[in-house]
């Protein structure tokens, strides 16, 4: 059974229009439409008004660099290194 859309196309357009004014935060819109801020972000993303943060953090980048420096290329190699205490 497909997931039911929480917002119809007209509501999504209204949300985008309101957000563009700069007068409403994502939280404000979530309260107004009785949905989560995640639902609001997904809707805004459809209009190119919001992106999801998929960038690697500094700590994650540092960890990846360490793993590469140790020539670990597979999950199994990582598990072995962790078992041995790096």
Protein backbone atom coordinates (compact mmCIF):
# COMPACT_ATOMS: atom_id res chain seq x y z
CA UNK A 1 0.00 0.00 0.00
CA UNK A 2 1.55 3.35 -1.05
CA UNK A 3 2.28 6.00 1.54
CA UNK A 4 -0.35 8.72 1.81
CA UNK A 5 0.90 12.20 0.98
CA UNK A 6 0.62 14.48 4.00
CA UNK A 7 0.37 17.58 1.83
CA UNK A 8 -1.54 17.98 -1.39
CA UNK A 9 -0.02 19.85 -4.37
CA UNK A 10 -1.89 23.07 -3.53
CA UNK A 11 -0.62 23.02 0.04
CA UNK A 12 2.93 22.41 -1.16
CA UNK A 13 2.67 25.43 -3.46
CA UNK A 14 1.27 27.57 -0.62
CA UNK A 15 4.12 26.50 1.65
CA UNK A 16 6.70 27.37 -1.02
CA UNK A 17 5.07 30.76 -1.59
CA UNK A 18 4.96 31.53 2.13
CA UNK A 19 8.54 30.41 2.66
CA UNK A 20 9.74 32.61 -0.20
CA UNK A 21 8.38 35.69 1.62
CA UNK A 22 10.96 35.14 4.35
CA UNK A 23 8.32 35.75 7.00
CA UNK A 24 7.88 32.09 7.97
CA UNK A 25 10.38 29.56 9.24
CA UNK A 26 10.18 25.86 8.46
CA UNK A 27 8.99 25.35 12.03
CA UNK A 28 6.24 28.00 11.59
CA UNK A 29 5.02 26.26 8.45
CA UNK A 30 5.06 22.87 10.15
CA UNK A 31 2.83 24.22 12.90
CA UNK A 32 0.53 25.93 10.40
CA UNK A 33 0.05 22.76 8.35
CA UNK A 34 0.22 20.32 11.29
CA UNK A 35 3.16 18.37 9.86
CA UNK A 36 6.77 17.87 10.90
CA UNK A 37 9.58 20.16 9.81
CA UNK A 38 10.96 17.18 7.87
CA UNK A 39 7.76 17.11 5.80
CA UNK A 40 8.11 20.86 5.24
CA UNK A 41 11.75 20.42 4.15
CA UNK A 42 10.76 17.68 1.72
CA UNK A 43 8.10 19.92 0.25
CA UNK A 44 10.47 22.89 -0.03
CA UNK A 45 13.06 20.63 -1.61
CA UNK A 46 10.62 19.92 -4.46
CA UNK A 47 10.71 23.65 -5.24
CA UNK A 48 14.47 23.95 -4.88
CA UNK A 49 14.08 26.03 -1.72
CA UNK A 50 15.76 23.64 0.68
CA UNK A 51 18.40 20.97 0.48
CA UNK A 52 19.19 18.14 2.82
CA UNK A 53 22.61 18.30 4.41
CA UNK A 54 24.55 15.38 3.01
CA UNK A 55 27.99 16.94 3.33
CA UNK A 56 30.66 15.15 5.29
CA UNK A 57 31.58 16.81 8.59
CA UNK A 58 35.16 17.62 9.54
CA UNK A 59 35.23 14.71 12.01
CA UNK A 60 33.84 12.30 9.41
CA UNK A 61 36.41 13.48 6.86
CA UNK A 62 39.20 12.98 9.42
CA UNK A 63 37.98 9.46 10.15
CA UNK A 64 37.82 8.62 6.44
CA UNK A 65 41.34 9.97 5.93
CA UNK A 66 42.62 7.82 8.82
CA UNK A 67 40.94 4.73 7.40
CA UNK A 68 42.47 5.38 3.97
CA UNK A 69 45.91 5.95 5.49
CA UNK A 70 45.66 2.52 7.10
CA UNK A 71 44.88 1.02 3.68
CA UNK A 72 41.51 -0.25 4.88
CA UNK A 73 39.33 -0.78 1.84
CA UNK A 74 36.61 -3.15 2.99
CA UNK A 75 34.23 -3.41 5.90
CA UNK A 76 35.86 -6.71 6.86
CA UNK A 77 39.27 -5.03 7.07
CA UNK A 78 37.75 -2.28 9.21
CA UNK A 79 36.16 -4.84 11.54
CA UNK A 80 39.50 -6.64 11.89
CA UNK A 81 41.29 -3.37 12.71
CA UNK A 82 38.67 -2.48 15.30
CA UNK A 83 38.93 -5.93 16.90
CA UNK A 84 42.69 -5.49 17.16
CA UNK A 85 42.23 -2.03 18.67
CA UNK A 86 43.61 -0.18 15.65
